[in-house]
Amino acid sequence: VQLQASGGGLVQAGGSLRLSCAVPRTIRGIMTRSWYRQAPQKEREFVARIVVNGQTDYAESVKGRFTISRNIAKNTHDLQMERLGPDDTAVYYCRVDGNGSGTRWGQGTLVTVSS
């Protein structure tokens, strides 16, 4: 059972994209919904998270530009990305962590920002 990330694509520097992560309803007890990214030849890194009480947390590199949100009814969480730059080029992965269900990852969606 896998998360489904979507919304990636090619965008010019300064542009915006919105990623979405659909979480199967069989995954219960979700405590944290998050996004990570992996740029070419780099380690996967944390981007943003939203926890069960709605509190959010962001990597310094995306603060003020990216916004994570969730739709509990639809069991999705989105990442709105603004003022994108070439350094944001990466495969973006969504993730959930939950009681009992552990950590689950999506398959990744590619974001390419052209300069």
C-alpha atoms as a PDB file:
ATOM      1  CA  VAL A   1       0.000   0.000   0.000  1.00  0.00           C
ATOM      2  CA  GLN A   2       1.723   3.131  -1.218  1.00  0.00           C
ATOM      3  CA  LEU A   3       1.183   6.850  -1.070  1.00  0.00           C
ATOM      4  CA  GLN A   4       0.601   8.545  -4.427  1.00  0.00           C
ATOM      5  CA  ALA A   5       2.437  11.812  -5.048  1.00  0.00           C
ATOM      6  CA  SER A   6       1.450  13.995  -7.982  1.00  0.00           C
ATOM      7  CA  GLY A   7       1.800  17.512  -9.344  1.00  0.00           C
ATOM      8  CA  GLY A   8       5.427  17.619 -10.364  1.00  0.00           C
ATOM      9  CA  GLY A   9       6.592  19.074 -13.635  1.00  0.00           C
ATOM     10  CA  LEU A  10       8.757  21.621 -15.374  1.00  0.00           C
ATOM     11  CA  VAL A  11       8.503  25.223 -14.279  1.00  0.00           C
ATOM     12  CA  GLN A  12      10.537  28.360 -14.877  1.00  0.00           C
ATOM     13  CA  ALA A  13      12.440  29.983 -12.053  1.00  0.00           C
ATOM     14  CA  GLY A  14      10.120  32.192 -10.052  1.00  0.00           C
ATOM     15  CA  GLY A  15       7.127  30.023 -10.821  1.00  0.00           C
ATOM     16  CA  SER A  16       4.871  27.906  -8.638  1.00  0.00           C
ATOM     17  CA  LEU A  17       3.755  24.316  -8.358  1.00  0.00           C
ATOM     18  CA  ARG A  18       1.430  22.423  -6.066  1.00  0.00           C
ATOM     19  CA  LEU A  19       2.171  18.843  -5.120  1.00  0.00           C
ATOM     20  CA  SER A  20      -0.415  16.520  -3.677  1.00  0.00           C
ATOM     21  CA  CYS A  21      -0.103  13.262  -1.769  1.00  0.00           C
ATOM     22  CA  ALA A  22      -2.980  10.802  -1.610  1.00  0.00           C
ATOM     23  CA  VAL A  23      -2.800   8.476   1.375  1.00  0.00           C
ATOM     24  CA  PRO A  24      -4.627   5.139   1.294  1.00  0.00           C
ATOM     25  CA  ARG A  25      -7.344   4.948   3.905  1.00  0.00           C
ATOM     26  CA  THR A  26      -5.941   1.640   5.089  1.00  0.00           C
ATOM     27  CA  ILE A  27      -3.131   3.605   6.742  1.00  0.00           C
ATOM     28  CA  ARG A  28      -4.458   4.579  10.151  1.00  0.00           C
ATOM     29  CA  GLY A  29      -3.255   6.569  13.099  1.00  0.00           C
ATOM     30  CA  ILE A  30      -1.310   9.134  11.078  1.00  0.00           C
ATOM     31  CA  MET A  31       0.639  11.455  13.351  1.00  0.00           C
ATOM     32  CA  THR A  32       2.844  13.290  10.849  1.00  0.00           C
ATOM     33  CA  ARG A  33       2.456  14.101   7.148  1.00  0.00           C
ATOM     34  CA  SER A  34       5.559  15.364   5.414  1.00  0.00           C
ATOM     35  CA  TRP A  35       7.461  16.061   2.226  1.00  0.00           C
ATOM     36  CA  TYR A  36      11.087  15.266   1.445  1.00  0.00           C
ATOM     37  CA  ARG A  37      13.151  15.797  -1.668  1.00  0.00           C
ATOM     38  CA  GLN A  38      16.218  14.353  -3.286  1.00  0.00           C
ATOM     39  CA  ALA A  39      18.247  16.344  -5.763  1.00  0.00           C
ATOM     40  CA  PRO A  40      20.653  14.642  -8.200  1.00  0.00           C
ATOM     41  CA  GLN A  41      23.729  13.279  -6.425  1.00  0.00           C
ATOM     42  CA  LYS A  42      22.432  14.428  -3.051  1.00  0.00           C
ATOM     43  CA  GLU A  43      20.915  12.811   0.002  1.00  0.00           C
ATOM     44  CA  ARG A  44      17.176  12.890   0.551  1.00  0.00           C
ATOM     45  CA  GLU A  45      16.331  15.875   2.735  1.00  0.00           C
ATOM     46  CA  PHE A  46      13.430  17.063   4.803  1.00  0.00           C
ATOM     47  CA  VAL A  47      11.245  19.816   3.313  1.00  0.00           C
ATOM     48  CA  ALA A  48       8.112  20.256   5.422  1.00  0.00           C
ATOM     49  CA  ARG A  49       5.840  18.480   7.883  1.00  0.00           C
ATOM     50  CA  ILE A  50       2.457  18.926   9.490  1.00  0.00           C
ATOM     51  CA  VAL A  51       1.673  17.082  12.671  1.00  0.00           C
ATOM     52  CA  VAL A  52      -1.588  15.870  14.102  1.00  0.00           C
ATOM     53  CA  ASN A  53      -2.321  19.117  15.970  1.00  0.00           C
ATOM     54  CA  GLY A  54      -1.785  21.153  12.794  1.00  0.00           C
ATOM     55  CA  GLN A  55       1.623  22.508  13.707  1.00  0.00           C
ATOM     56  CA  THR A  56       3.949  22.874  10.734  1.00  0.00           C
ATOM     57  CA  ASP A  57       7.707  22.811  10.354  1.00  0.00           C
ATOM     58  CA  TYR A  58       9.877  23.727   7.365  1.00  0.00           C
ATOM     59  CA  ALA A  59      13.440  23.414   6.203  1.00  0.00           C
ATOM     60  CA  GLU A  60      15.230  26.752   6.331  1.00  0.00           C
ATOM     61  CA  SER A  61      15.735  26.703   2.577  1.00  0.00           C
ATOM     62  CA  VAL A  62      11.984  26.717   1.875  1.00  0.00           C
ATOM     63  CA  LYS A  63      10.606  28.822   4.713  1.00  0.00           C
ATOM     64  CA  GLY A  64       8.398  31.608   3.437  1.00  0.00           C
ATOM     65  CA  ARG A  65       8.107  30.004  -0.007  1.00  0.00           C
ATOM     66  CA  PHE A  66       6.528  26.592   0.612  1.00  0.00           C
ATOM     67  CA  THR A  67       3.335  25.806   2.495  1.00  0.00           C
ATOM     68  CA  ILE A  68       2.220  22.373   3.618  1.00  0.00           C
ATOM     69  CA  SER A  69      -1.455  21.695   4.180  1.00  0.00           C
ATOM     70  CA  ARG A  70      -3.700  18.715   4.730  1.00  0.00           C
ATOM     71  CA  ASN A  71      -7.237  17.652   3.949  1.00  0.00           C
ATOM     72  CA  ILE A  72      -8.196  15.088   6.537  1.00  0.00           C
ATOM     73  CA  ALA A  73     -11.516  14.281   4.876  1.00  0.00           C
ATOM     74  CA  LYS A  74      -9.749  13.424   1.617  1.00  0.00           C
ATOM     75  CA  ASN A  75      -6.709  11.986   3.419  1.00  0.00           C
ATOM     76  CA  THR A  76      -4.316  14.088   1.381  1.00  0.00           C
ATOM     77  CA  HIS A  77      -1.559  16.562   2.085  1.00  0.00           C
ATOM     78  CA  ASP A  78      -0.305  19.173  -0.339  1.00  0.00           C
ATOM     79  CA  LEU A  79       2.818  21.234  -0.779  1.00  0.00           C
ATOM     80  CA  GLN A  80       2.330  24.657  -2.338  1.00  0.00           C
ATOM     81  CA  MET A  81       5.656  25.867  -3.701  1.00  0.00           C
ATOM     82  CA  GLU A  82       6.231  29.491  -4.640  1.00  0.00           C
ATOM     83  CA  ARG A  83       9.179  31.421  -6.054  1.00  0.00           C
ATOM     84  CA  LEU A  84      10.859  28.242  -7.191  1.00  0.00           C
ATOM     85  CA  GLY A  85      14.516  28.282  -8.096  1.00  0.00           C
ATOM     86  CA  PRO A  86      16.902  25.832  -9.775  1.00  0.00           C
ATOM     87  CA  ASP A  87      18.025  24.603  -6.337  1.00  0.00           C
ATOM     88  CA  ASP A  88      14.495  23.290  -5.790  1.00  0.00           C
ATOM     89  CA  THR A  89      14.925  20.811  -8.639  1.00  0.00           C
ATOM     90  CA  ALA A  90      14.507  17.359  -7.125  1.00  0.00           C
ATOM     91  CA  VAL A  91      12.313  14.331  -6.838  1.00  0.00           C
ATOM     92  CA  TYR A  92       9.780  15.130  -4.129  1.00  0.00           C
ATOM     93  CA  TYR A  93       8.546  12.343  -1.879  1.00  0.00           C
ATOM     94  CA  CYS A  94       5.607  12.403   0.448  1.00  0.00           C
ATOM     95  CA  ARG A  95       5.639  10.485   3.665  1.00  0.00           C
ATOM     96  CA  VAL A  96       3.425   9.657   6.631  1.00  0.00           C
ATOM     97  CA  ASP A  97       4.340   8.411  10.072  1.00  0.00           C
ATOM     98  CA  GLY A  98       1.719   6.844  12.241  1.00  0.00           C
ATOM     99  CA  ASN A  99       0.967   4.780  15.284  1.00  0.00           C
ATOM    100  CA  GLY A 100       1.053   1.180  14.278  1.00  0.00           C
ATOM    101  CA  SER A 101       1.497   1.910  10.556  1.00  0.00           C
ATOM    102  CA  GLY A 102       5.078   3.090  10.860  1.00  0.00           C
ATOM    103  CA  THR A 103       6.655   5.155   8.095  1.00  0.00           C
ATOM    104  CA  ARG A 104       5.266   5.012   4.574  1.00  0.00           C
ATOM    105  CA  TRP A 105       6.640   6.722   1.465  1.00  0.00           C
ATOM    106  CA  GLY A 106       5.202   7.754  -1.857  1.00  0.00           C
ATOM    107  CA  GLN A 107       6.856   6.970  -5.177  1.00  0.00           C
ATOM    108  CA  GLY A 108       8.151  10.495  -5.803  1.00  0.00           C
ATOM    109  CA  THR A 109       7.280  13.211  -8.272  1.00  0.00           C
ATOM    110  CA  LEU A 110       9.884  15.118 -10.248  1.00  0.00           C
ATOM    111  CA  VAL A 111      10.089  18.889 -10.043  1.00  0.00           C
ATOM    112  CA  THR A 112      12.400  20.601 -12.522  1.00  0.00           C
ATOM    113  CA  VAL A 113      13.010  24.327 -12.296  1.00  0.00           C
ATOM    114  CA  SER A 114      14.643  25.927 -15.297  1.00  0.00           C
ATOM    115  CA  SER A 115      16.717  29.069 -14.928  1.00  0.00           C
END
